């Protein structure tokens, strides 16, 4: 690597490091047997999120749970509406 200095508009000297074109960047590349792992992890995560959303939707649309949630939401709206009148 080479190092140069740049002085700009009264600023102190700032060193600039240029990349060496002969540097070996293969250390950052994934191993051949690990290709696609990120895509597979995303797919599993999305499937899990959809499954959880489906379970939550089934629970929320249950009659008793729906009534309890509706009562809670109406209670919260009613309690906040008291602040609007003041």
PDB file of N, CA and C in Angstrom:
ATOM      1  N   UNK A   1       0.836  -1.184   0.000  1.00  0.00           N
ATOM      2  CA  UNK A   1       0.000   0.000   0.000  1.00  0.00           C
ATOM      3  C   UNK A   1       0.873   1.237   0.000  1.00  0.00           C
ATOM      4  N   UNK A   2       0.393   2.252  -0.700  1.00  0.00           N
ATOM      5  CA  UNK A   2       1.119   3.512  -0.719  1.00  0.00           C
ATOM      6  C   UNK A   2       0.325   4.532   0.070  1.00  0.00           C
ATOM      7  N   UNK A   3       1.005   5.526   0.595  1.00  0.00           N
ATOM      8  CA  UNK A   3       0.335   6.526   1.403  1.00  0.00           C
ATOM      9  C   UNK A   3       0.677   7.911   0.862  1.00  0.00           C
ATOM     10  N   UNK A   4      -0.347   8.712   0.612  1.00  0.00           N
ATOM     11  CA  UNK A   4      -0.187  10.089   0.163  1.00  0.00           C
ATOM     12  C   UNK A   4      -0.789  11.000   1.213  1.00  0.00           C
ATOM     13  N   UNK A   5      -0.538  12.284   1.112  1.00  0.00           N
ATOM     14  CA  UNK A   5      -1.131  13.246   2.029  1.00  0.00           C
ATOM     15  C   UNK A   5      -1.906  14.271   1.229  1.00  0.00           C
ATOM     16  N   UNK A   6      -3.069  14.633   1.771  1.00  0.00           N
ATOM     17  CA  UNK A   6      -3.902  15.644   1.120  1.00  0.00           C
ATOM     18  C   UNK A   6      -4.170  16.744   2.135  1.00  0.00           C
ATOM     19  N   UNK A   7      -3.932  18.001   1.760  1.00  0.00           N
ATOM     20  CA  UNK A   7      -4.265  19.137   2.610  1.00  0.00           C
ATOM     21  C   UNK A   7      -5.389  19.895   1.923  1.00  0.00           C
ATOM     22  N   UNK A   8      -6.487  20.118   2.656  1.00  0.00           N
ATOM     23  CA  UNK A   8      -7.626  20.798   2.052  1.00  0.00           C
ATOM     24  C   UNK A   8      -8.037  21.983   2.898  1.00  0.00           C
ATOM     25  N   UNK A   9      -8.116  23.143   2.311  1.00  0.00           N
ATOM     26  CA  UNK A   9      -8.659  24.375   2.868  1.00  0.00           C
ATOM     27  C   UNK A   9      -8.281  24.611   4.330  1.00  0.00           C
ATOM     28  N   UNK A  10      -7.018  24.544   4.648  1.00  0.00           N
ATOM     29  CA  UNK A  10      -6.559  24.845   5.995  1.00  0.00           C
ATOM     30  C   UNK A  10      -6.709  23.681   6.964  1.00  0.00           C
ATOM     31  N   UNK A  11      -7.240  22.558   6.506  1.00  0.00           N
ATOM     32  CA  UNK A  11      -7.365  21.387   7.373  1.00  0.00           C
ATOM     33  C   UNK A  11      -5.989  20.777   7.587  1.00  0.00           C
ATOM     34  N   UNK A  12      -5.818  20.039   8.658  1.00  0.00           N
ATOM     35  CA  UNK A  12      -4.541  19.357   8.850  1.00  0.00           C
ATOM     36  C   UNK A  12      -4.336  18.312   7.757  1.00  0.00           C
ATOM     37  N   UNK A  13      -3.119  17.867   7.620  1.00  0.00           N
ATOM     38  CA  UNK A  13      -2.776  16.888   6.601  1.00  0.00           C
ATOM     39  C   UNK A  13      -3.469  15.569   6.928  1.00  0.00           C
ATOM     40  N   UNK A  14      -4.193  15.022   5.940  1.00  0.00           N
ATOM     41  CA  UNK A  14      -4.944  13.780   6.121  1.00  0.00           C
ATOM     42  C   UNK A  14      -4.295  12.710   5.251  1.00  0.00           C
ATOM     43  N   UNK A  15      -3.861  11.606   5.846  1.00  0.00           N
ATOM     44  CA  UNK A  15      -3.255  10.557   5.025  1.00  0.00           C
ATOM     45  C   UNK A  15      -4.317   9.825   4.210  1.00  0.00           C
ATOM     46  N   UNK A  16      -3.973   9.505   2.965  1.00  0.00           N
ATOM     47  CA  UNK A  16      -4.858   8.751   2.087  1.00  0.00           C
ATOM     48  C   UNK A  16      -4.172   7.437   1.760  1.00  0.00           C
ATOM     49  N   UNK A  17      -4.876   6.332   1.980  1.00  0.00           N
ATOM     50  CA  UNK A  17      -4.315   5.019   1.714  1.00  0.00           C
ATOM     51  C   UNK A  17      -4.950   4.483   0.454  1.00  0.00           C
ATOM     52  N   UNK A  18      -4.122   4.161  -0.527  1.00  0.00           N
ATOM     53  CA  UNK A  18      -4.623   3.610  -1.787  1.00  0.00           C
ATOM     54  C   UNK A  18      -4.543   2.090  -1.729  1.00  0.00           C
ATOM     55  N   UNK A  19      -5.525   1.432  -2.340  1.00  0.00           N
ATOM     56  CA  UNK A  19      -5.553  -0.028  -2.348  1.00  0.00           C
ATOM     57  C   UNK A  19      -4.450  -0.565  -3.248  1.00  0.00           C
ATOM     58  N   UNK A  20      -3.866  -1.636  -2.818  1.00  0.00           N
ATOM     59  CA  UNK A  20      -2.837  -2.307  -3.597  1.00  0.00           C
ATOM     60  C   UNK A  20      -3.521  -3.286  -4.545  1.00  0.00           C
ATOM     61  N   UNK A  21      -3.402  -3.089  -5.875  1.00  0.00           N
ATOM     62  CA  UNK A  21      -4.095  -3.976  -6.812  1.00  0.00           C
ATOM     63  C   UNK A  21      -3.610  -5.414  -6.737  1.00  0.00           C
ATOM     64  N   UNK A  22      -2.441  -5.637  -6.179  1.00  0.00           N
ATOM     65  CA  UNK A  22      -1.918  -6.992  -6.084  1.00  0.00           C
ATOM     66  C   UNK A  22      -2.392  -7.697  -4.810  1.00  0.00           C
ATOM     67  N   UNK A  23      -3.216  -6.994  -3.984  1.00  0.00           N
ATOM     68  CA  UNK A  23      -3.674  -7.592  -2.727  1.00  0.00           C
ATOM     69  C   UNK A  23      -4.594  -8.776  -3.016  1.00  0.00           C
ATOM     70  N   UNK A  24      -4.538  -9.773  -2.156  1.00  0.00           N
ATOM     71  CA  UNK A  24      -5.340 -10.982  -2.314  1.00  0.00           C
ATOM     72  C   UNK A  24      -6.677 -10.787  -1.600  1.00  0.00           C
ATOM     73  N   UNK A  25      -7.786 -10.641  -2.359  1.00  0.00           N
ATOM     74  CA  UNK A  25      -9.114 -10.440  -1.785  1.00  0.00           C
ATOM     75  C   UNK A  25      -9.871 -11.744  -1.607  1.00  0.00           C
ATOM     76  N   UNK A  26      -9.267 -12.879  -1.865  1.00  0.00           N
ATOM     77  CA  UNK A  26      -9.979 -14.152  -1.756  1.00  0.00           C
ATOM     78  C   UNK A  26     -10.242 -14.543  -0.310  1.00  0.00           C
ATOM     79  N   UNK A  27      -9.593 -13.893   0.651  1.00  0.00           N
ATOM     80  CA  UNK A  27      -9.826 -14.228   2.052  1.00  0.00           C
ATOM     81  C   UNK A  27     -11.250 -13.859   2.465  1.00  0.00           C
ATOM     82  N   UNK A  28     -11.849 -12.871   1.807  1.00  0.00           N
ATOM     83  CA  UNK A  28     -13.202 -12.450   2.138  1.00  0.00           C
ATOM     84  C   UNK A  28     -14.268 -13.241   1.394  1.00  0.00           C
ATOM     85  N   UNK A  29     -13.922 -13.964   0.376  1.00  0.00           N
ATOM     86  CA  UNK A  29     -14.893 -14.717  -0.419  1.00  0.00           C
ATOM     87  C   UNK A  29     -15.323 -15.971   0.328  1.00  0.00           C
ATOM     88  N   UNK A  30     -16.619 -16.354   0.203  1.00  0.00           N
ATOM     89  CA  UNK A  30     -17.084 -17.564   0.877  1.00  0.00           C
ATOM     90  C   UNK A  30     -16.474 -18.810   0.247  1.00  0.00           C
ATOM     91  N   UNK A  31     -16.375 -19.837   1.037  1.00  0.00           N
ATOM     92  CA  UNK A  31     -15.867 -21.105   0.521  1.00  0.00           C
ATOM     93  C   UNK A  31     -16.854 -21.655  -0.499  1.00  0.00           C
ATOM     94  N   UNK A  32     -16.402 -22.420  -1.484  1.00  0.00           N
ATOM     95  CA  UNK A  32     -17.302 -22.936  -2.523  1.00  0.00           C
ATOM     96  C   UNK A  32     -18.458 -23.753  -1.973  1.00  0.00           C
ATOM     97  N   UNK A  33     -18.265 -24.470  -0.868  1.00  0.00           N
ATOM     98  CA  UNK A  33     -19.335 -25.285  -0.323  1.00  0.00           C
ATOM     99  C   UNK A  33     -20.333 -24.476   0.500  1.00  0.00           C
ATOM    100  N   UNK A  34     -20.101 -23.176   0.709  1.00  0.00           N
ATOM    101  CA  UNK A  34     -20.998 -22.329   1.483  1.00  0.00           C
ATOM    102  C   UNK A  34     -21.828 -21.399   0.598  1.00  0.00           C
ATOM    103  N   UNK A  35     -21.765 -21.564  -0.696  1.00  0.00           N
ATOM    104  CA  UNK A  35     -22.544 -20.697  -1.580  1.00  0.00           C
ATOM    105  C   UNK A  35     -24.025 -20.948  -1.377  1.00  0.00           C
ATOM    106  N   UNK A  36     -24.806 -19.876  -1.378  1.00  0.00           N
ATOM    107  CA  UNK A  36     -26.252 -19.992  -1.244  1.00  0.00           C
ATOM    108  C   UNK A  36     -26.734 -20.095   0.186  1.00  0.00           C
ATOM    109  N   UNK A  37     -25.831 -20.087   1.130  1.00  0.00           N
ATOM    110  CA  UNK A  37     -26.270 -20.199   2.523  1.00  0.00           C
ATOM    111  C   UNK A  37     -27.113 -19.002   2.936  1.00  0.00           C
ATOM    112  N   UNK A  38     -26.772 -17.835   2.491  1.00  0.00           N
ATOM    113  CA  UNK A  38     -27.536 -16.652   2.864  1.00  0.00           C
ATOM    114  C   UNK A  38     -28.949 -16.745   2.304  1.00  0.00           C
ATOM    115  N   UNK A  39     -29.091 -17.179   1.069  1.00  0.00           N
ATOM    116  CA  UNK A  39     -30.409 -17.323   0.463  1.00  0.00           C
ATOM    117  C   UNK A  39     -31.236 -18.365   1.197  1.00  0.00           C
ATOM    118  N   UNK A  40     -30.620 -19.462   1.575  1.00  0.00           N
ATOM    119  CA  UNK A  40     -31.338 -20.509   2.302  1.00  0.00           C
ATOM    120  C   UNK A  40     -31.788 -20.010   3.672  1.00  0.00           C
ATOM    121  N   UNK A  41     -30.940 -19.240   4.339  1.00  0.00           N
ATOM    122  CA  UNK A  41     -31.308 -18.701   5.645  1.00  0.00           C
ATOM    123  C   UNK A  41     -32.465 -17.716   5.519  1.00  0.00           C
ATOM    124  N   UNK A  42     -32.448 -16.897   4.483  1.00  0.00           N
ATOM    125  CA  UNK A  42     -33.560 -15.972   4.246  1.00  0.00           C
ATOM    126  C   UNK A  42     -34.844 -16.742   3.988  1.00  0.00           C
ATOM    127  N   UNK A  43     -34.783 -17.799   3.204  1.00  0.00           N
ATOM    128  CA  UNK A  43     -35.977 -18.588   2.890  1.00  0.00           C
ATOM    129  C   UNK A  43     -36.562 -19.208   4.151  1.00  0.00           C
ATOM    130  N   UNK A  44     -35.721 -19.766   5.008  1.00  0.00           N
ATOM    131  CA  UNK A  44     -36.203 -20.357   6.255  1.00  0.00           C
ATOM    132  C   UNK A  44     -36.809 -19.276   7.153  1.00  0.00           C
ATOM    133  N   UNK A  45     -36.186 -18.128   7.213  1.00  0.00           N
ATOM    134  CA  UNK A  45     -36.717 -17.023   8.020  1.00  0.00           C
ATOM    135  C   UNK A  45     -38.066 -16.540   7.530  1.00  0.00           C
ATOM    136  N   UNK A  46     -38.216 -16.431   6.220  1.00  0.00           N
ATOM    137  CA  UNK A  46     -39.498 -15.975   5.656  1.00  0.00           C
ATOM    138  C   UNK A  46     -40.589 -17.005   5.910  1.00  0.00           C
ATOM    139  N   UNK A  47     -40.270 -18.285   5.742  1.00  0.00           N
ATOM    140  CA  UNK A  47     -41.257 -19.331   6.001  1.00  0.00           C
ATOM    141  C   UNK A  47     -41.679 -19.320   7.477  1.00  0.00           C
ATOM    142  N   UNK A  48     -40.720 -19.128   8.376  1.00  0.00           N
ATOM    143  CA  UNK A  48     -41.042 -19.063   9.807  1.00  0.00           C
ATOM    144  C   UNK A  48     -41.909 -17.854  10.116  1.00  0.00           C
ATOM    145  N   UNK A  49     -41.618 -16.712   9.513  1.00  0.00           N
ATOM    146  CA  UNK A  49     -42.413 -15.507   9.751  1.00  0.00           C
ATOM    147  C   UNK A  49     -43.844 -15.684   9.254  1.00  0.00           C
ATOM    148  N   UNK A  50     -44.008 -16.302   8.096  1.00  0.00           N
ATOM    149  CA  UNK A  50     -45.344 -16.535   7.562  1.00  0.00           C
ATOM    150  C   UNK A  50     -46.106 -17.514   8.452  1.00  0.00           C
ATOM    151  N   UNK A  51     -45.430 -18.534   8.954  1.00  0.00           N
ATOM    152  CA  UNK A  51     -46.081 -19.499   9.845  1.00  0.00           C
ATOM    153  C   UNK A  51     -46.537 -18.834  11.138  1.00  0.00           C
ATOM    154  N   UNK A  52     -45.685 -17.998  11.722  1.00  0.00           N
ATOM    155  CA  UNK A  52     -46.057 -17.288  12.948  1.00  0.00           C
ATOM    156  C   UNK A  52     -47.217 -16.347  12.684  1.00  0.00           C
ATOM    157  N   UNK A  53     -47.177 -15.638  11.557  1.00  0.00           N
ATOM    158  CA  UNK A  53     -48.282 -14.730  11.213  1.00  0.00           C
ATOM    159  C   UNK A  53     -49.581 -15.513  11.048  1.00  0.00           C
ATOM    160  N   UNK A  54     -49.519 -16.696  10.451  1.00  0.00           N
ATOM    161  CA  UNK A  54     -50.717 -17.518  10.290  1.00  0.00           C
ATOM    162  C   UNK A  54     -51.292 -17.956  11.621  1.00  0.00           C
ATOM    163  N   UNK A  55     -50.422 -18.360  12.539  1.00  0.00           N
ATOM    164  CA  UNK A  55     -50.887 -18.771  13.868  1.00  0.00           C
ATOM    165  C   UNK A  55     -51.510 -17.587  14.602  1.00  0.00           C
ATOM    166  N   UNK A  56     -50.858 -16.428  14.548  1.00  0.00           N
ATOM    167  CA  UNK A  56     -51.418 -15.236  15.206  1.00  0.00           C
ATOM    168  C   UNK A  56     -52.754 -14.834  14.593  1.00  0.00           C
ATOM    169  N   UNK A  57     -52.877 -14.936  13.281  1.00  0.00           N
ATOM    170  CA  UNK A  57     -54.138 -14.611  12.626  1.00  0.00           C
ATOM    171  C   UNK A  57     -55.237 -15.564  13.072  1.00  0.00           C
ATOM    172  N   UNK A  58     -54.912 -16.851  13.191  1.00  0.00           N
ATOM    173  CA  UNK A  58     -55.904 -17.830  13.652  1.00  0.00           C
ATOM    174  C   UNK A  58     -56.330 -17.545  15.091  1.00  0.00           C
ATOM    175  N   UNK A  59     -55.387 -17.141  15.928  1.00  0.00           N
ATOM    176  CA  UNK A  59     -55.719 -16.843  17.326  1.00  0.00           C
ATOM    177  C   UNK A  59     -56.578 -15.582  17.410  1.00  0.00           C
ATOM    178  N   UNK A  60     -56.191 -14.557  16.666  1.00  0.00           N
ATOM    179  CA  UNK A  60     -56.908 -13.277  16.737  1.00  0.00           C
ATOM    180  C   UNK A  60     -58.324 -13.391  16.188  1.00  0.00           C
ATOM    181  N   UNK A  61     -58.520 -14.184  15.161  1.00  0.00           N
ATOM    182  CA  UNK A  61     -59.859 -14.294  14.571  1.00  0.00           C
ATOM    183  C   UNK A  61     -60.751 -15.264  15.344  1.00  0.00           C
ATOM    184  N   UNK A  62     -60.237 -15.896  16.398  1.00  0.00           N
ATOM    185  CA  UNK A  62     -61.058 -16.717  17.274  1.00  0.00           C
ATOM    186  C   UNK A  62     -62.093 -15.811  17.939  1.00  0.00           C
ATOM    187  N   UNK A  63     -63.313 -16.274  18.101  1.00  0.00           N
ATOM    188  CA  UNK A  63     -64.407 -15.451  18.622  1.00  0.00           C
ATOM    189  C   UNK A  63     -64.127 -14.817  19.960  1.00  0.00           C
ATOM    190  N   UNK A  64     -63.688 -15.594  20.943  1.00  0.00           N
ATOM    191  CA  UNK A  64     -63.459 -15.053  22.281  1.00  0.00           C
ATOM    192  C   UNK A  64     -62.299 -14.073  22.297  1.00  0.00           C
ATOM    193  N   UNK A  65     -61.220 -14.406  21.636  1.00  0.00           N
ATOM    194  CA  UNK A  65     -60.058 -13.527  21.597  1.00  0.00           C
ATOM    195  C   UNK A  65     -60.416 -12.229  20.881  1.00  0.00           C
ATOM    196  N   UNK A  66     -61.193 -12.339  19.818  1.00  0.00           N
ATOM    197  CA  UNK A  66     -61.596 -11.145  19.075  1.00  0.00           C
ATOM    198  C   UNK A  66     -62.409 -10.205  19.957  1.00  0.00           C
ATOM    199  N   UNK A  67     -63.301 -10.754  20.770  1.00  0.00           N
ATOM    200  CA  UNK A  67     -64.109  -9.912  21.665  1.00  0.00           C
ATOM    201  C   UNK A  67     -63.243  -9.237  22.727  1.00  0.00           C
ATOM    202  N   UNK A  68     -62.295  -9.968  23.289  1.00  0.00           N
ATOM    203  CA  UNK A  68     -61.413  -9.393  24.309  1.00  0.00           C
ATOM    204  C   UNK A  68     -60.563  -8.287  23.699  1.00  0.00           C
ATOM    205  N   UNK A  69     -60.012  -8.520  22.498  1.00  0.00           N
ATOM    206  CA  UNK A  69     -59.201  -7.490  21.840  1.00  0.00           C
ATOM    207  C   UNK A  69     -60.038  -6.260  21.502  1.00  0.00           C
ATOM    208  N   UNK A  70     -61.261  -6.478  21.047  1.00  0.00           N
ATOM    209  CA  UNK A  70     -62.131  -5.354  20.719  1.00  0.00           C
ATOM    210  C   UNK A  70     -62.436  -4.531  21.962  1.00  0.00           C
ATOM    211  N   UNK A  71     -62.721  -5.196  23.082  1.00  0.00           N
ATOM    212  CA  UNK A  71     -62.983  -4.484  24.341  1.00  0.00           C
ATOM    213  C   UNK A  71     -61.759  -3.681  24.765  1.00  0.00           C
ATOM    214  N   UNK A  72     -60.562  -4.286  24.634  1.00  0.00           N
ATOM    215  CA  UNK A  72     -59.329  -3.594  25.017  1.00  0.00           C
ATOM    216  C   UNK A  72     -59.097  -2.367  24.142  1.00  0.00           C
ATOM    217  N   UNK A  73     -59.276  -2.518  22.842  1.00  0.00           N
ATOM    218  CA  UNK A  73     -59.064  -1.398  21.918  1.00  0.00           C
ATOM    219  C   UNK A  73     -60.057  -0.276  22.203  1.00  0.00           C
ATOM    220  N   UNK A  74     -61.316  -0.639  22.439  1.00  0.00           N
ATOM    221  CA  UNK A  74     -62.316   0.388  22.753  1.00  0.00           C
ATOM    222  C   UNK A  74     -62.012   1.083  24.077  1.00  0.00           C
ATOM    223  N   UNK A  75     -61.500   0.329  25.063  1.00  0.00           N
ATOM    224  CA  UNK A  75     -61.128   0.924  26.348  1.00  0.00           C
ATOM    225  C   UNK A  75     -59.987   1.928  26.153  1.00  0.00           C
ATOM    226  N   UNK A  76     -58.988   1.577  25.348  1.00  0.00           N
ATOM    227  CA  UNK A  76     -57.861   2.480  25.094  1.00  0.00           C
ATOM    228  C   UNK A  76     -58.345   3.733  24.370  1.00  0.00           C
ATOM    229  N   UNK A  77     -59.201   3.569  23.359  1.00  0.00           N
ATOM    230  CA  UNK A  77     -59.728   4.727  22.633  1.00  0.00           C
ATOM    231  C   UNK A  77     -60.531   5.618  23.565  1.00  0.00           C
ATOM    232  N   UNK A  78     -61.338   5.007  24.416  1.00  0.00           N
ATOM    233  CA  UNK A  78     -62.161   5.781  25.340  1.00  0.00           C
ATOM    234  C   UNK A  78     -61.284   6.546  26.334  1.00  0.00           C
ATOM    235  N   UNK A  79     -60.222   5.907  26.837  1.00  0.00           N
ATOM    236  CA  UNK A  79     -59.364   6.579  27.800  1.00  0.00           C
ATOM    237  C   UNK A  79     -58.592   7.737  27.162  1.00  0.00           C
ATOM    238  N   UNK A  80     -58.182   7.591  25.906  1.00  0.00           N
ATOM    239  CA  UNK A  80     -57.488   8.686  25.231  1.00  0.00           C
ATOM    240  C   UNK A  80     -58.438   9.779  24.773  1.00  0.00           C
ATOM    241  N   UNK A  81     -59.687   9.446  24.543  1.00  0.00           N
ATOM    242  CA  UNK A  81     -60.634  10.481  24.092  1.00  0.00           C
ATOM    243  C   UNK A  81     -60.918  11.475  25.206  1.00  0.00           C
ATOM    244  N   UNK A  82     -60.705  11.096  26.472  1.00  0.00           N
ATOM    245  CA  UNK A  82     -60.871  12.020  27.586  1.00  0.00           C
ATOM    246  C   UNK A  82     -59.857  13.144  27.544  1.00  0.00           C
ATOM    247  N   UNK A  83     -58.677  12.901  26.998  1.00  0.00           N
ATOM    248  CA  UNK A  83     -57.652  13.938  26.891  1.00  0.00           C
ATOM    249  C   UNK A  83     -57.987  14.958  25.814  1.00  0.00           C
ATOM    250  N   UNK A  84     -58.780  14.546  24.823  1.00  0.00           N
ATOM    251  CA  UNK A  84     -59.108  15.451  23.729  1.00  0.00           C
ATOM    252  C   UNK A  84     -60.109  16.525  24.142  1.00  0.00           C
ATOM    253  N   UNK A  85     -60.951  16.232  25.112  1.00  0.00           N
ATOM    254  CA  UNK A  85     -61.973  17.180  25.555  1.00  0.00           C
ATOM    255  C   UNK A  85     -61.403  18.274  26.434  1.00  0.00           C
ATOM    256  N   UNK A  86     -60.233  18.067  26.996  1.00  0.00           N
ATOM    257  CA  UNK A  86     -59.655  19.045  27.936  1.00  0.00           C
ATOM    258  C   UNK A  86     -58.953  20.147  27.217  1.00  0.00           C
TER     259      UNK A  86
END
